[in-house]
C-alpha atoms as a PDB file:
ATOM      1  CA  MET A   1       0.000   0.000   0.000  1.00  0.00           C
ATOM      2  CA  TYR A   2       3.067   2.290   0.208  1.00  0.00           C
ATOM      3  CA  TRP A   3       2.469   3.655  -3.297  1.00  0.00           C
ATOM      4  CA  TYR A   4      -0.550   5.574  -2.010  1.00  0.00           C
ATOM      5  CA  GLU A   5       1.395   7.338   0.729  1.00  0.00           C
ATOM      6  CA  GLU A   6       1.995  10.667  -1.040  1.00  0.00           C
ATOM      7  CA  GLU A   7      -1.668  11.185  -1.873  1.00  0.00           C
ATOM      8  CA  VAL A   8      -2.803   9.862   1.497  1.00  0.00           C
ATOM      9  CA  ASN A   9      -0.549  12.347   3.275  1.00  0.00           C
ATOM     10  CA  SER A  10      -1.962  15.196   1.195  1.00  0.00           C
ATOM     11  CA  LEU A  11      -5.483  14.146   2.223  1.00  0.00           C
ATOM     12  CA  ILE A  12      -4.451  14.072   5.872  1.00  0.00           C
ATOM     13  CA  LEU A  13      -3.175  17.654   5.572  1.00  0.00           C
ATOM     14  CA  LYS A  14      -6.356  18.700   3.783  1.00  0.00           C
ATOM     15  CA  LYS A  15      -8.304  18.772   7.035  1.00  0.00           C
ATOM     16  CA  GLU A  16      -6.051  21.502   8.440  1.00  0.00           C
ATOM     17  CA  LYS A  17      -6.771  23.721   5.437  1.00  0.00           C
ATOM     18  CA  LEU A  18     -10.558  23.495   5.596  1.00  0.00           C
ATOM     19  CA  SER A  19     -12.466  26.562   6.721  1.00  0.00           C
ATOM     20  CA  PHE A  20     -15.497  24.530   7.835  1.00  0.00           C
ATOM     21  CA  ASN A  21     -16.374  21.279   9.576  1.00  0.00           C
ATOM     22  CA  PRO A  22     -17.558  18.833   6.877  1.00  0.00           C
ATOM     23  CA  GLU A  23     -20.839  17.050   7.469  1.00  0.00           C
ATOM     24  CA  THR A  24     -20.601  14.709   4.467  1.00  0.00           C
ATOM     25  CA  ILE A  25     -17.517  12.718   3.541  1.00  0.00           C
ATOM     26  CA  PHE A  26     -17.108  11.473  -0.015  1.00  0.00           C
ATOM     27  CA  TYR A  27     -14.552   8.679   0.189  1.00  0.00           C
ATOM     28  CA  GLY A  28     -13.183   6.181  -2.313  1.00  0.00           C
ATOM     29  CA  SER A  29     -11.299   5.814  -5.569  1.00  0.00           C
ATOM     30  CA  SER A  30     -10.660   8.150  -8.509  1.00  0.00           C
ATOM     31  CA  SER A  31     -14.356   8.228  -9.407  1.00  0.00           C
ATOM     32  CA  ILE A  32     -14.655  10.267  -6.215  1.00  0.00           C
ATOM     33  CA  ARG A  33     -11.315  12.072  -6.448  1.00  0.00           C
ATOM     34  CA  LEU A  34     -11.995  13.383  -9.967  1.00  0.00           C
ATOM     35  CA  TRP A  35     -15.485  14.607  -9.084  1.00  0.00           C
ATOM     36  CA  GLU A  36     -14.405  18.231  -8.857  1.00  0.00           C
ATOM     37  CA  SER A  37     -17.903  19.672  -8.534  1.00  0.00           C
ATOM     38  CA  ILE A  38     -18.754  17.856  -5.283  1.00  0.00           C
ATOM     39  CA  PRO A  39     -18.573  21.098  -3.226  1.00  0.00           C
ATOM     40  CA  GLU A  40     -21.147  22.744  -5.510  1.00  0.00           C
ATOM     41  CA  ASP A  41     -23.227  19.641  -6.250  1.00  0.00           C
ATOM     42  CA  PHE A  42     -23.816  18.915  -2.557  1.00  0.00           C
ATOM     43  CA  ILE A  43     -23.441  22.394  -1.100  1.00  0.00           C
ATOM     44  CA  ASP A  44     -26.324  21.919   1.347  1.00  0.00           C
ATOM     45  CA  TYR A  45     -24.542  18.919   2.885  1.00  0.00           C
ATOM     46  CA  LEU A  46     -21.156  20.566   3.582  1.00  0.00           C
ATOM     47  CA  PRO A  47     -19.098  17.924   1.743  1.00  0.00           C
ATOM     48  CA  VAL A  48     -15.413  17.152   1.615  1.00  0.00           C
ATOM     49  CA  ASN A  49     -13.800  15.040  -1.112  1.00  0.00           C
ATOM     50  CA  LEU A  50     -11.419  12.435   0.330  1.00  0.00           C
ATOM     51  CA  GLY A  51     -11.032  10.254  -2.740  1.00  0.00           C
ATOM     52  CA  PHE A  52      -7.576   9.071  -3.805  1.00  0.00           C
ATOM     53  CA  GLY A  53      -6.533   7.911  -7.245  1.00  0.00           C
ATOM     54  CA  GLY A  54      -6.341   4.245  -8.123  1.00  0.00           C
ATOM     55  CA  SER A  55      -7.491   3.202  -4.683  1.00  0.00           C
ATOM     56  CA  THR A  56      -9.025  -0.173  -4.076  1.00  0.00           C
ATOM     57  CA  LEU A  57     -11.693  -0.957  -1.518  1.00  0.00           C
ATOM     58  CA  ALA A  58      -8.957  -2.752   0.375  1.00  0.00           C
ATOM     59  CA  ALA A  59      -6.853   0.437   0.396  1.00  0.00           C
ATOM     60  CA  CYS A  60      -9.828   2.489   1.581  1.00  0.00           C
ATOM     61  CA  VAL A  61     -10.122   0.179   4.580  1.00  0.00           C
ATOM     62  CA  TRP A  62      -6.367   0.220   5.208  1.00  0.00           C
ATOM     63  CA  PHE A  63      -6.113   4.028   5.254  1.00  0.00           C
ATOM     64  CA  PHE A  64      -9.496   4.745   6.849  1.00  0.00           C
ATOM     65  CA  ASP A  65      -8.160   5.537  10.320  1.00  0.00           C
ATOM     66  CA  ARG A  66      -5.711   8.098   8.943  1.00  0.00           C
ATOM     67  CA  ILE A  67      -7.855   9.748   6.267  1.00  0.00           C
ATOM     68  CA  VAL A  68     -11.423   9.626   7.579  1.00  0.00           C
ATOM     69  CA  GLY A  69     -10.946   8.888  11.265  1.00  0.00           C
ATOM     70  CA  PRO A  70     -10.080  12.479  12.328  1.00  0.00           C
ATOM     71  CA  TYR A  71     -13.408  13.846  11.051  1.00  0.00           C
ATOM     72  CA  ASP A  72     -16.793  13.978  12.737  1.00  0.00           C
ATOM     73  CA  PRO A  73     -19.210  13.520   9.809  1.00  0.00           C
ATOM     74  CA  LYS A  74     -22.968  13.154   9.775  1.00  0.00           C
ATOM     75  CA  ARG A  75     -22.846  10.834   6.757  1.00  0.00           C
ATOM     76  CA  ILE A  76     -20.441   9.078   4.367  1.00  0.00           C
ATOM     77  CA  VAL A  77     -20.837   8.521   0.614  1.00  0.00           C
ATOM     78  CA  PHE A  78     -18.545   5.797  -0.706  1.00  0.00           C
ATOM     79  CA  TYR A  79     -17.352   4.406  -4.030  1.00  0.00           C
ATOM     80  CA  ALA A  80     -14.633   1.768  -4.483  1.00  0.00           C
ATOM     81  CA  GLY A  81     -14.226  -1.875  -5.479  1.00  0.00           C
ATOM     82  CA  ASP A  82     -13.869  -1.191  -9.175  1.00  0.00           C
ATOM     83  CA  ASN A  83     -10.061  -1.316  -9.064  1.00  0.00           C
ATOM     84  CA  ASP A  84     -10.022  -4.412  -6.848  1.00  0.00           C
ATOM     85  CA  LEU A  85     -11.818  -6.391  -9.548  1.00  0.00           C
ATOM     86  CA  GLY A  86      -9.664  -4.801 -12.248  1.00  0.00           C
ATOM     87  CA  ASP A  87      -6.585  -5.999 -10.344  1.00  0.00           C
ATOM     88  CA  GLY A  88      -7.883  -9.565 -10.347  1.00  0.00           C
ATOM     89  CA  ARG A  89      -9.609  -9.735  -6.968  1.00  0.00           C
ATOM     90  CA  THR A  90     -12.803 -11.780  -6.777  1.00  0.00           C
ATOM     91  CA  PRO A  91     -16.283 -10.429  -5.964  1.00  0.00           C
ATOM     92  CA  GLU A  92     -16.113 -12.365  -2.697  1.00  0.00           C
ATOM     93  CA  GLU A  93     -12.921 -10.531  -1.706  1.00  0.00           C
ATOM     94  CA  VAL A  94     -14.522  -7.180  -2.546  1.00  0.00           C
ATOM     95  CA  PHE A  95     -17.476  -8.173  -0.371  1.00  0.00           C
ATOM     96  CA  ILE A  96     -15.158  -8.973   2.549  1.00  0.00           C
ATOM     97  CA  PHE A  97     -13.453  -5.590   2.160  1.00  0.00           C
ATOM     98  CA  PHE A  98     -16.880  -3.954   2.269  1.00  0.00           C
ATOM     99  CA  GLN A  99     -17.662  -5.771   5.516  1.00  0.00           C
ATOM    100  CA  GLN A 100     -14.376  -4.527   6.937  1.00  0.00           C
ATOM    101  CA  LEU A 101     -15.279  -0.980   5.895  1.00  0.00           C
ATOM    102  CA  THR A 102     -18.615  -1.137   7.707  1.00  0.00           C
ATOM    103  CA  LEU A 103     -16.804  -2.230  10.872  1.00  0.00           C
ATOM    104  CA  LYS A 104     -14.343   0.664  10.577  1.00  0.00           C
ATOM    105  CA  ILE A 105     -17.166   3.161  10.263  1.00  0.00           C
ATOM    106  CA  LYS A 106     -19.068   1.706  13.218  1.00  0.00           C
ATOM    107  CA  GLU A 107     -15.892   1.796  15.292  1.00  0.00           C
ATOM    108  CA  HIS A 108     -15.321   5.492  14.616  1.00  0.00           C
ATOM    109  CA  PHE A 109     -18.776   6.966  14.099  1.00  0.00           C
ATOM    110  CA  GLY A 110     -21.409   4.476  15.194  1.00  0.00           C
ATOM    111  CA  ALA A 111     -24.467   4.017  13.003  1.00  0.00           C
ATOM    112  CA  ILE A 112     -24.296   7.195  10.933  1.00  0.00           C
ATOM    113  CA  PRO A 113     -26.009   7.125   7.516  1.00  0.00           C
ATOM    114  CA  CYS A 114     -23.748   5.652   4.817  1.00  0.00           C
ATOM    115  CA  TYR A 115     -24.249   5.302   1.090  1.00  0.00           C
ATOM    116  CA  PHE A 116     -22.546   2.779  -1.187  1.00  0.00           C
ATOM    117  CA  ILE A 117     -22.544   3.765  -4.862  1.00  0.00           C
ATOM    118  CA  SER A 118     -22.764   0.574  -6.905  1.00  0.00           C
ATOM    119  CA  LEU A 119     -19.810  -0.432  -9.035  1.00  0.00           C
ATOM    120  CA  LYS A 120     -20.124   1.171 -12.458  1.00  0.00           C
ATOM    121  CA  PRO A 121     -20.260  -0.649 -15.831  1.00  0.00           C
ATOM    122  CA  SER A 122     -17.017   0.631 -17.365  1.00  0.00           C
ATOM    123  CA  PRO A 123     -16.314  -0.156 -21.060  1.00  0.00           C
ATOM    124  CA  LYS A 124     -12.684  -0.887 -20.144  1.00  0.00           C
ATOM    125  CA  ARG A 125     -13.757  -3.637 -17.755  1.00  0.00           C
ATOM    126  CA  TRP A 126     -16.807  -4.887 -19.603  1.00  0.00           C
ATOM    127  CA  ASN A 127     -15.061  -8.222 -20.125  1.00  0.00           C
ATOM    128  CA  ILE A 128     -15.506  -8.892 -16.389  1.00  0.00           C
ATOM    129  CA  LYS A 129     -18.995  -7.421 -16.076  1.00  0.00           C
ATOM    130  CA  ASP A 130     -20.249 -10.630 -14.440  1.00  0.00           C
ATOM    131  CA  ALA A 131     -17.820 -10.039 -11.571  1.00  0.00           C
ATOM    132  CA  PHE A 132     -19.049  -6.461 -11.205  1.00  0.00           C
ATOM    133  CA  GLU A 133     -22.682  -7.502 -11.185  1.00  0.00           C
ATOM    134  CA  TYR A 134     -22.043 -10.261  -8.651  1.00  0.00           C
ATOM    135  CA  ALA A 135     -20.067  -7.960  -6.355  1.00  0.00           C
ATOM    136  CA  ASN A 136     -22.885  -5.424  -6.530  1.00  0.00           C
ATOM    137  CA  SER A 137     -25.456  -8.094  -5.676  1.00  0.00           C
ATOM    138  CA  LEU A 138     -23.437  -9.353  -2.689  1.00  0.00           C
ATOM    139  CA  ILE A 139     -23.078  -5.864  -1.233  1.00  0.00           C
ATOM    140  CA  ALA A 140     -26.702  -4.907  -1.933  1.00  0.00           C
ATOM    141  CA  GLN A 141     -27.920  -8.063  -0.189  1.00  0.00           C
ATOM    142  CA  GLU A 142     -25.667  -7.430   2.811  1.00  0.00           C
ATOM    143  CA  ILE A 143     -26.976  -3.891   3.155  1.00  0.00           C
ATOM    144  CA  THR A 144     -30.586  -5.039   2.947  1.00  0.00           C
ATOM    145  CA  ALA A 145     -30.091  -7.865   5.428  1.00  0.00           C
ATOM    146  CA  LYS A 146     -27.705  -6.420   7.995  1.00  0.00           C
ATOM    147  CA  GLU A 147     -26.549  -2.848   7.447  1.00  0.00           C
ATOM    148  CA  LYS A 148     -29.636  -0.790   8.227  1.00  0.00           C
ATOM    149  CA  ASN A 149     -27.734   2.496   8.331  1.00  0.00           C
ATOM    150  CA  TRP A 150     -26.485   1.939   4.771  1.00  0.00           C
ATOM    151  CA  LYS A 151     -28.180   2.628   1.448  1.00  0.00           C
ATOM    152  CA  PHE A 152     -27.186   0.946  -1.823  1.00  0.00           C
ATOM    153  CA  ILE A 153     -27.309   3.505  -4.645  1.00  0.00           C
ATOM    154  CA  ASN A 154     -27.599   1.488  -7.832  1.00  0.00           C
ATOM    155  CA  ILE A 155     -26.300   3.635 -10.696  1.00  0.00           C
ATOM    156  CA  TYR A 156     -25.327   0.572 -12.769  1.00  0.00           C
ATOM    157  CA  PRO A 157     -28.547   0.230 -14.844  1.00  0.00           C
ATOM    158  CA  GLN A 158     -28.709   3.977 -15.446  1.00  0.00           C
ATOM    159  CA  MET A 159     -25.355   3.823 -17.221  1.00  0.00           C
ATOM    160  CA  ILE A 160     -26.399   1.018 -19.595  1.00  0.00           C
ATOM    161  CA  GLY A 161     -27.935   1.894 -22.955  1.00  0.00           C
ATOM    162  CA  ALA A 162     -30.772   0.296 -24.908  1.00  0.00           C
ATOM    163  CA  ASP A 163     -28.187  -1.916 -26.627  1.00  0.00           C
ATOM    164  CA  GLY A 164     -27.233  -3.438 -23.279  1.00  0.00           C
ATOM    165  CA  LEU A 165     -23.794  -1.810 -23.291  1.00  0.00           C
ATOM    166  CA  PRO A 166     -22.265   1.031 -21.239  1.00  0.00           C
ATOM    167  CA  VAL A 167     -23.263   4.434 -22.619  1.00  0.00           C
ATOM    168  CA  LYS A 168     -20.103   5.875 -24.179  1.00  0.00           C
ATOM    169  CA  ARG A 169     -20.823   9.514 -23.367  1.00  0.00           C
ATOM    170  CA  TYR A 170     -20.628   8.686 -19.673  1.00  0.00           C
ATOM    171  CA  PHE A 171     -16.973   7.691 -19.913  1.00  0.00           C
ATOM    172  CA  ASP A 172     -13.715   9.376 -20.847  1.00  0.00           C
ATOM    173  CA  ASP A 173     -11.616   8.085 -23.720  1.00  0.00           C
ATOM    174  CA  ASP A 174      -9.916   5.630 -21.355  1.00  0.00           C
ATOM    175  CA  GLY A 175     -13.235   3.807 -20.954  1.00  0.00           C
ATOM    176  CA  LEU A 176     -12.934   3.976 -17.183  1.00  0.00           C
ATOM    177  CA  HIS A 177     -13.200   7.465 -15.743  1.00  0.00           C
ATOM    178  CA  LEU A 178     -16.402   9.476 -15.796  1.00  0.00           C
ATOM    179  CA  THR A 179     -17.610  12.475 -17.768  1.00  0.00           C
ATOM    180  CA  ALA A 180     -19.691  15.398 -16.541  1.00  0.00           C
ATOM    181  CA  ASP A 181     -22.806  13.675 -17.916  1.00  0.00           C
ATOM    182  CA  ALA A 182     -22.151  10.640 -15.735  1.00  0.00           C
ATOM    183  CA  TYR A 183     -21.653  12.761 -12.647  1.00  0.00           C
ATOM    184  CA  LYS A 184     -25.044  14.363 -13.267  1.00  0.00           C
ATOM    185  CA  ILE A 185     -26.602  10.897 -12.953  1.00  0.00           C
ATOM    186  CA  TRP A 186     -24.618  10.139  -9.826  1.00  0.00           C
ATOM    187  CA  ARG A 187     -25.512  13.482  -8.262  1.00  0.00           C
ATOM    188  CA  LEU A 188     -29.255  13.022  -8.751  1.00  0.00           C
ATOM    189  CA  ALA A 189     -29.155   9.430  -7.496  1.00  0.00           C
ATOM    190  CA  ILE A 190     -27.279  10.426  -4.341  1.00  0.00           C
ATOM    191  CA  LEU A 191     -29.423  13.481  -3.655  1.00  0.00           C
ATOM    192  CA  ALA A 192     -32.543  11.332  -3.953  1.00  0.00           C
ATOM    193  CA  GLU A 193     -31.239   9.099  -1.167  1.00  0.00           C
ATOM    194  CA  LEU A 194     -29.933  11.927   0.989  1.00  0.00           C
ATOM    195  CA  GLY A 195     -33.320  13.561   0.890  1.00  0.00           C
ATOM    196  CA  HIS A 196     -35.245  10.418   1.796  1.00  0.00           C
ATOM    197  CA  TYR A 197     -33.095   8.843   4.489  1.00  0.00           C
ATOM    198  CA  TYR A 198     -34.875   7.677   7.613  1.00  0.00           C
ATOM    199  CA  PRO A 199     -32.402   5.497   9.532  1.00  0.00           C
ATOM    200  CA  ASP A 200     -33.541   2.490  11.475  1.00  0.00           C
ATOM    201  CA  LEU A 201     -30.891   2.237  14.164  1.00  0.00           C
ATOM    202  CA  THR A 202     -32.720  -0.074  16.535  1.00  0.00           C
ATOM    203  CA  HIS A 203     -30.269  -2.923  15.959  1.00  0.00           C
ATOM    204  CA  PHE A 204     -27.398  -0.974  17.528  1.00  0.00           C
END
């Protein structure tokens, strides 16, 4: 994990430079990091972007204490797992990393509202779409069955066209990173959940 250290350290220092106390943490891989309009898109929720490039879900768990731990958020929006599968990890491993993430969050913040953005259908990784769909199903089922303070935000079908393939205008030329059009979809999907969240915390 040492190759992330430079960017992780910059994120740690970011907190000292903020002029406000963030209420919403956006955490995860480059799909979060490159979302430059998060401050404007979620202005009512006082967000901070703590994404780091190329990160896996495993890396997000590993660095959680250092990057996210110092904050006192009201909610967390999360995206990662894409790169784990791209690196050859199995859906089951991604699922285990997700379970570890939920434990980290409970340890630090209790049962605050959390939102998992489903893994996206990237053209570059379409050859392993079955792994993406299975990982999404495992995490969605876990959230429904056990993680009552989590919401699964399923953007996957919204990014598939009538031909059954990923919509090209939602992806950069690399077939992996997102365009402004894609972020519009993500923004609306997240806002819909943020505005209709009624946590059931009775199991804690």
